[in-house]
N, C-alpha and C. Protein backbone atom coordinates (compact mmCIF):
# COMPACT_ATOMS: atom_id res chain seq x y z
N MET A 1 -30.38 34.28 196.49
CA MET A 1 -30.12 33.50 197.68
C MET A 1 -31.33 32.63 198.04
N VAL A 2 -32.53 33.19 197.90
CA VAL A 2 -33.74 32.43 198.21
C VAL A 2 -33.88 31.26 197.25
N GLU A 3 -33.57 31.49 195.98
CA GLU A 3 -33.66 30.42 194.98
C GLU A 3 -32.69 29.29 195.32
N PHE A 4 -31.50 29.65 195.78
CA PHE A 4 -30.51 28.65 196.17
C PHE A 4 -31.02 27.80 197.33
N MET A 5 -31.62 28.47 198.32
CA MET A 5 -32.15 27.74 199.48
C MET A 5 -33.29 26.80 199.07
N VAL A 6 -34.12 27.22 198.14
CA VAL A 6 -35.21 26.38 197.64
C VAL A 6 -34.64 25.16 196.94
N LYS A 7 -33.58 25.36 196.14
CA LYS A 7 -32.95 24.23 195.45
C LYS A 7 -32.34 23.24 196.45
N VAL A 8 -31.70 23.75 197.49
CA VAL A 8 -31.11 22.89 198.50
C VAL A 8 -32.20 22.11 199.22
N PHE A 9 -33.29 22.79 199.59
CA PHE A 9 -34.40 22.12 200.26
C PHE A 9 -34.98 21.02 199.38
N ASN A 10 -35.20 21.33 198.10
CA ASN A 10 -35.74 20.33 197.17
C ASN A 10 -34.80 19.14 197.02
N LEU A 11 -33.50 19.40 197.00
CA LEU A 11 -32.52 18.32 196.89
C LEU A 11 -32.65 17.36 198.08
N PHE A 12 -32.69 17.91 199.28
CA PHE A 12 -32.80 17.07 200.47
C PHE A 12 -34.16 16.39 200.53
N ARG A 13 -35.22 17.10 200.21
CA ARG A 13 -36.56 16.51 200.25
C ARG A 13 -36.64 15.33 199.28
N ASP A 14 -36.17 15.52 198.05
CA ASP A 14 -36.22 14.43 197.07
C ASP A 14 -35.32 13.27 197.49
N GLY A 15 -34.17 13.59 198.07
CA GLY A 15 -33.26 12.54 198.52
C GLY A 15 -33.86 11.70 199.63
N PHE A 16 -34.48 12.36 200.60
CA PHE A 16 -35.06 11.63 201.72
C PHE A 16 -36.29 10.83 201.32
N THR A 17 -37.07 11.32 200.38
CA THR A 17 -38.26 10.59 199.99
C THR A 17 -37.93 9.36 199.16
N GLN A 18 -36.79 9.36 198.46
CA GLN A 18 -36.42 8.23 197.62
C GLN A 18 -35.51 7.23 198.31
N MET A 19 -35.17 7.49 199.56
CA MET A 19 -34.30 6.57 200.30
C MET A 19 -35.03 5.28 200.63
N THR A 20 -34.29 4.17 200.60
CA THR A 20 -34.85 2.91 201.06
C THR A 20 -34.07 2.43 202.28
N VAL A 21 -32.79 2.22 202.10
CA VAL A 21 -31.94 1.77 203.21
C VAL A 21 -31.71 2.92 204.19
N GLY A 22 -31.63 4.13 203.67
CA GLY A 22 -31.37 5.29 204.51
C GLY A 22 -32.42 5.52 205.58
N LYS A 23 -33.68 5.25 205.25
CA LYS A 23 -34.74 5.43 206.25
C LYS A 23 -34.55 4.49 207.43
N THR A 24 -34.14 3.28 207.15
CA THR A 24 -33.87 2.33 208.22
C THR A 24 -32.67 2.78 209.05
N LEU A 25 -31.64 3.29 208.39
CA LEU A 25 -30.47 3.77 209.12
C LEU A 25 -30.81 4.97 209.99
N TRP A 26 -31.65 5.89 209.50
CA TRP A 26 -32.06 7.04 210.30
C TRP A 26 -32.87 6.59 211.51
N LYS A 27 -33.70 5.57 211.34
CA LYS A 27 -34.46 5.05 212.48
C LYS A 27 -33.52 4.49 213.53
N ILE A 28 -32.48 3.79 213.10
CA ILE A 28 -31.49 3.24 214.03
C ILE A 28 -30.78 4.37 214.77
N VAL A 29 -30.42 5.43 214.05
CA VAL A 29 -29.75 6.57 214.68
C VAL A 29 -30.64 7.19 215.75
N PHE A 30 -31.92 7.40 215.44
CA PHE A 30 -32.82 8.01 216.42
C PHE A 30 -33.05 7.10 217.62
N ILE A 31 -33.10 5.81 217.41
CA ILE A 31 -33.25 4.87 218.53
C ILE A 31 -32.02 4.92 219.42
N LYS A 32 -30.82 4.99 218.81
CA LYS A 32 -29.59 5.08 219.59
C LYS A 32 -29.54 6.36 220.41
N PHE A 33 -29.95 7.48 219.80
CA PHE A 33 -29.99 8.74 220.54
C PHE A 33 -30.96 8.66 221.71
N PHE A 34 -32.10 8.06 221.48
CA PHE A 34 -33.07 7.90 222.56
C PHE A 34 -32.48 7.09 223.71
N VAL A 35 -31.83 5.99 223.37
CA VAL A 35 -31.23 5.14 224.41
C VAL A 35 -30.14 5.91 225.14
N MET A 36 -29.29 6.63 224.42
CA MET A 36 -28.20 7.35 225.07
C MET A 36 -28.70 8.46 225.98
N PHE A 37 -29.66 9.23 225.54
CA PHE A 37 -30.06 10.40 226.30
C PHE A 37 -31.19 10.15 227.27
N ALA A 38 -32.07 9.24 227.00
CA ALA A 38 -33.22 9.01 227.89
C ALA A 38 -32.95 7.88 228.88
N VAL A 39 -32.49 6.76 228.39
CA VAL A 39 -32.33 5.59 229.25
C VAL A 39 -31.05 5.67 230.08
N LEU A 40 -29.93 5.94 229.45
CA LEU A 40 -28.66 5.96 230.17
C LEU A 40 -28.59 7.08 231.19
N GLU A 41 -29.22 8.22 230.88
CA GLU A 41 -29.19 9.34 231.81
C GLU A 41 -29.87 8.98 233.13
N VAL A 42 -30.94 8.24 233.05
CA VAL A 42 -31.67 7.87 234.26
C VAL A 42 -30.83 6.97 235.17
N PHE A 43 -30.09 6.03 234.58
CA PHE A 43 -29.35 5.06 235.38
C PHE A 43 -27.93 5.49 235.74
N PHE A 44 -27.26 6.22 234.85
CA PHE A 44 -25.84 6.52 235.07
C PHE A 44 -25.55 7.96 235.45
N PHE A 45 -26.50 8.86 235.29
CA PHE A 45 -26.26 10.26 235.61
C PHE A 45 -27.35 10.78 236.54
N PRO A 46 -27.31 10.38 237.80
CA PRO A 46 -28.33 10.86 238.74
C PRO A 46 -28.16 12.36 238.98
N ASN A 47 -29.21 12.99 239.42
CA ASN A 47 -29.17 14.41 239.71
C ASN A 47 -28.52 14.63 241.07
N TYR A 48 -27.22 14.84 241.06
CA TYR A 48 -26.43 14.95 242.28
C TYR A 48 -26.89 16.12 243.14
N LEU A 49 -27.10 17.28 242.50
CA LEU A 49 -27.48 18.46 243.27
C LEU A 49 -28.87 18.31 243.88
N GLU A 50 -29.78 17.71 243.16
CA GLU A 50 -31.14 17.55 243.66
C GLU A 50 -31.19 16.60 244.86
N THR A 51 -30.35 15.58 244.84
CA THR A 51 -30.40 14.59 245.92
C THR A 51 -29.60 15.00 247.15
N ASN A 52 -28.58 15.85 246.98
CA ASN A 52 -27.70 16.18 248.10
C ASN A 52 -27.96 17.54 248.73
N PHE A 53 -28.76 18.40 248.09
CA PHE A 53 -29.01 19.72 248.64
C PHE A 53 -30.51 20.00 248.59
N GLU A 54 -30.98 20.74 249.59
CA GLU A 54 -32.41 20.98 249.71
C GLU A 54 -32.88 22.24 248.99
N THR A 55 -32.08 23.31 249.01
CA THR A 55 -32.53 24.57 248.43
C THR A 55 -31.66 24.97 247.24
N ASP A 56 -32.19 25.89 246.44
CA ASP A 56 -31.43 26.39 245.29
C ASP A 56 -30.20 27.16 245.76
N LYS A 57 -30.29 27.84 246.89
CA LYS A 57 -29.13 28.59 247.40
C LYS A 57 -28.00 27.63 247.75
N GLN A 58 -28.31 26.52 248.39
CA GLN A 58 -27.28 25.53 248.73
C GLN A 58 -26.66 24.97 247.45
N ARG A 59 -27.48 24.68 246.47
CA ARG A 59 -26.96 24.15 245.19
C ARG A 59 -26.05 25.17 244.51
N GLY A 60 -26.50 26.41 244.48
CA GLY A 60 -25.71 27.47 243.85
C GLY A 60 -24.39 27.68 244.56
N ASP A 61 -24.41 27.68 245.89
CA ASP A 61 -23.17 27.85 246.65
C ASP A 61 -22.20 26.71 246.38
N TYR A 62 -22.72 25.49 246.31
CA TYR A 62 -21.86 24.33 246.04
C TYR A 62 -21.21 24.44 244.65
N VAL A 63 -22.01 24.79 243.65
CA VAL A 63 -21.48 24.91 242.29
C VAL A 63 -20.44 26.02 242.23
N LEU A 64 -20.72 27.17 242.85
CA LEU A 64 -19.77 28.28 242.87
C LEU A 64 -18.47 27.87 243.55
N GLU A 65 -18.58 27.14 244.65
CA GLU A 65 -17.39 26.66 245.35
C GLU A 65 -16.57 25.73 244.46
N GLN A 66 -17.23 24.83 243.76
CA GLN A 66 -16.52 23.88 242.90
C GLN A 66 -15.83 24.58 241.73
N LEU A 67 -16.45 25.63 241.22
CA LEU A 67 -15.89 26.33 240.06
C LEU A 67 -14.76 27.28 240.43
N THR A 68 -14.77 27.80 241.66
CA THR A 68 -13.79 28.84 242.01
C THR A 68 -12.70 28.37 242.95
N ARG A 69 -12.76 27.16 243.46
CA ARG A 69 -11.71 26.74 244.39
C ARG A 69 -10.41 26.47 243.62
N PRO A 70 -9.27 26.69 244.27
CA PRO A 70 -7.98 26.45 243.62
C PRO A 70 -7.79 24.96 243.31
N SER A 71 -7.07 24.72 242.26
CA SER A 71 -6.81 23.35 241.86
C SER A 71 -5.80 22.71 242.79
N ALA A 72 -5.98 21.43 243.10
CA ALA A 72 -5.07 20.73 244.00
C ALA A 72 -3.83 20.24 243.27
N THR A 73 -3.77 20.38 241.95
CA THR A 73 -2.62 19.87 241.18
C THR A 73 -1.52 20.89 241.02
N ASN A 74 -1.68 22.12 241.55
CA ASN A 74 -0.65 23.16 241.39
C ASN A 74 0.51 22.91 242.25
């Protein structure tokens, strides 16, 4: 099993070191992830609980209420 894992690791290591176009594509992927999770989160996903409640108890009570209240669609 260990020998198999070493072969798999060597396969990926050799593949990534010999890539030319792939390195550029991986850079694009990482830039897109950064934009999606770092930039968009700041502008489109504000911290609702932090801005509307002062204490952790108030936040916890609000979340519990939202999770346990009956659905209005019944």
